[in-house]
Amino acid sequence: MHGYDSGKKANGRKRHLLADTLGIVCKVYVSAANIGDRDGAAVLLRRSTHPVSSKAVSYTSSRSG
């Protein structure tokens, strides 16, 4: 699974992580680089068996342009 992220000018994969408040990684989803951060996070949260609060915070790279 490979893709091209035109924003970062990079080939490869993206890693989407779900961590608890202590920073312990609970779930990992790896996607092609051309999958957006928002789309990857949505897949990760749908596949997660861990309860996620409605006050959860999402940190993603910013979109330029």
C-alpha atoms as a PDB file:
ATOM      1  CA  MET A   1       0.000   0.000   0.000  1.00  0.00           C
ATOM      2  CA  HIS A   2       1.705   3.152  -1.231  1.00  0.00           C
ATOM      3  CA  GLY A   3       0.466   6.561  -2.225  1.00  0.00           C
ATOM      4  CA  TYR A   4       1.663  10.105  -2.883  1.00  0.00           C
ATOM      5  CA  ASP A   5       0.939  13.009  -0.539  1.00  0.00           C
ATOM      6  CA  SER A   6       1.118  16.094  -2.760  1.00  0.00           C
ATOM      7  CA  GLY A   7       1.077  18.450   0.235  1.00  0.00           C
ATOM      8  CA  LYS A   8       4.202  16.897   1.736  1.00  0.00           C
ATOM      9  CA  LYS A   9       5.675  15.866  -1.627  1.00  0.00           C
ATOM     10  CA  ALA A  10       6.243  12.374  -0.275  1.00  0.00           C
ATOM     11  CA  ASN A  11       5.587   8.809  -1.345  1.00  0.00           C
ATOM     12  CA  GLY A  12       4.736   6.080   1.094  1.00  0.00           C
ATOM     13  CA  ARG A  13       2.402   5.503   4.022  1.00  0.00           C
ATOM     14  CA  LYS A  14       0.690   7.478   6.753  1.00  0.00           C
ATOM     15  CA  ARG A  15       0.296   6.213  10.291  1.00  0.00           C
ATOM     16  CA  HIS A  16      -2.823   7.226  12.195  1.00  0.00           C
ATOM     17  CA  LEU A  17      -2.605   6.656  15.968  1.00  0.00           C
ATOM     18  CA  LEU A  18      -5.216   6.557  18.717  1.00  0.00           C
ATOM     19  CA  ALA A  19      -3.692   7.200  22.147  1.00  0.00           C
ATOM     20  CA  ASP A  20      -5.122   7.572  25.632  1.00  0.00           C
ATOM     21  CA  THR A  21      -4.522  10.553  27.928  1.00  0.00           C
ATOM     22  CA  LEU A  22      -1.239   9.028  29.114  1.00  0.00           C
ATOM     23  CA  GLY A  23       0.043   8.774  25.546  1.00  0.00           C
ATOM     24  CA  ILE A  24      -0.237   5.002  25.385  1.00  0.00           C
ATOM     25  CA  VAL A  25      -1.072   3.913  21.841  1.00  0.00           C
ATOM     26  CA  CYS A  26      -4.383   2.043  21.745  1.00  0.00           C
ATOM     27  CA  LYS A  27      -4.866   1.557  18.003  1.00  0.00           C
ATOM     28  CA  VAL A  28      -2.866   2.104  14.799  1.00  0.00           C
ATOM     29  CA  TYR A  29      -4.154   2.430  11.233  1.00  0.00           C
ATOM     30  CA  VAL A  30      -1.711   2.575   8.316  1.00  0.00           C
ATOM     31  CA  SER A  31      -2.912   4.001   5.007  1.00  0.00           C
ATOM     32  CA  ALA A  32      -1.474   5.092   1.693  1.00  0.00           C
ATOM     33  CA  ALA A  33       0.044   8.592   1.738  1.00  0.00           C
ATOM     34  CA  ASN A  34      -2.685   9.952  -0.538  1.00  0.00           C
ATOM     35  CA  ILE A  35      -5.386   9.299   2.096  1.00  0.00           C
ATOM     36  CA  GLY A  36      -6.227  12.507   3.960  1.00  0.00           C
ATOM     37  CA  ASP A  37      -5.671  12.854   7.700  1.00  0.00           C
ATOM     38  CA  ARG A  38      -9.393  13.402   8.303  1.00  0.00           C
ATOM     39  CA  ASP A  39     -10.351  10.289   6.320  1.00  0.00           C
ATOM     40  CA  GLY A  40      -7.702   8.169   8.038  1.00  0.00           C
ATOM     41  CA  ALA A  41      -8.849   9.355  11.468  1.00  0.00           C
ATOM     42  CA  ALA A  42     -12.464   8.506  10.611  1.00  0.00           C
ATOM     43  CA  VAL A  43     -11.490   4.940   9.661  1.00  0.00           C
ATOM     44  CA  LEU A  44      -9.373   4.615  12.798  1.00  0.00           C
ATOM     45  CA  LEU A  45     -12.208   5.740  15.076  1.00  0.00           C
ATOM     46  CA  ARG A  46     -14.766   3.474  13.363  1.00  0.00           C
ATOM     47  CA  ARG A  47     -12.471   0.454  13.814  1.00  0.00           C
ATOM     48  CA  SER A  48     -11.630   1.267  17.418  1.00  0.00           C
ATOM     49  CA  THR A  49     -13.103  -0.760  20.262  1.00  0.00           C
ATOM     50  CA  HIS A  50     -11.945   1.821  22.816  1.00  0.00           C
ATOM     51  CA  PRO A  51     -14.552   4.315  24.054  1.00  0.00           C
ATOM     52  CA  VAL A  52     -13.896   7.807  22.686  1.00  0.00           C
ATOM     53  CA  SER A  53     -15.276  10.849  24.498  1.00  0.00           C
ATOM     54  CA  SER A  54     -17.152  13.515  22.584  1.00  0.00           C
ATOM     55  CA  LYS A  55     -14.513  15.872  24.017  1.00  0.00           C
ATOM     56  CA  ALA A  56     -11.672  13.969  22.379  1.00  0.00           C
ATOM     57  CA  VAL A  57      -8.968  16.096  20.796  1.00  0.00           C
ATOM     58  CA  SER A  58      -7.600  15.396  17.348  1.00  0.00           C
ATOM     59  CA  TYR A  59      -4.093  16.494  16.367  1.00  0.00           C
ATOM     60  CA  THR A  60      -3.386  16.387  12.671  1.00  0.00           C
ATOM     61  CA  SER A  61      -0.955  18.124  10.381  1.00  0.00           C
ATOM     62  CA  SER A  62      -2.280  21.424   9.070  1.00  0.00           C
ATOM     63  CA  ARG A  63      -3.371  21.900   5.499  1.00  0.00           C
ATOM     64  CA  SER A  64      -1.510  24.580   3.595  1.00  0.00           C
ATOM     65  CA  GLY A  65      -2.882  26.534   0.716  1.00  0.00           C
END
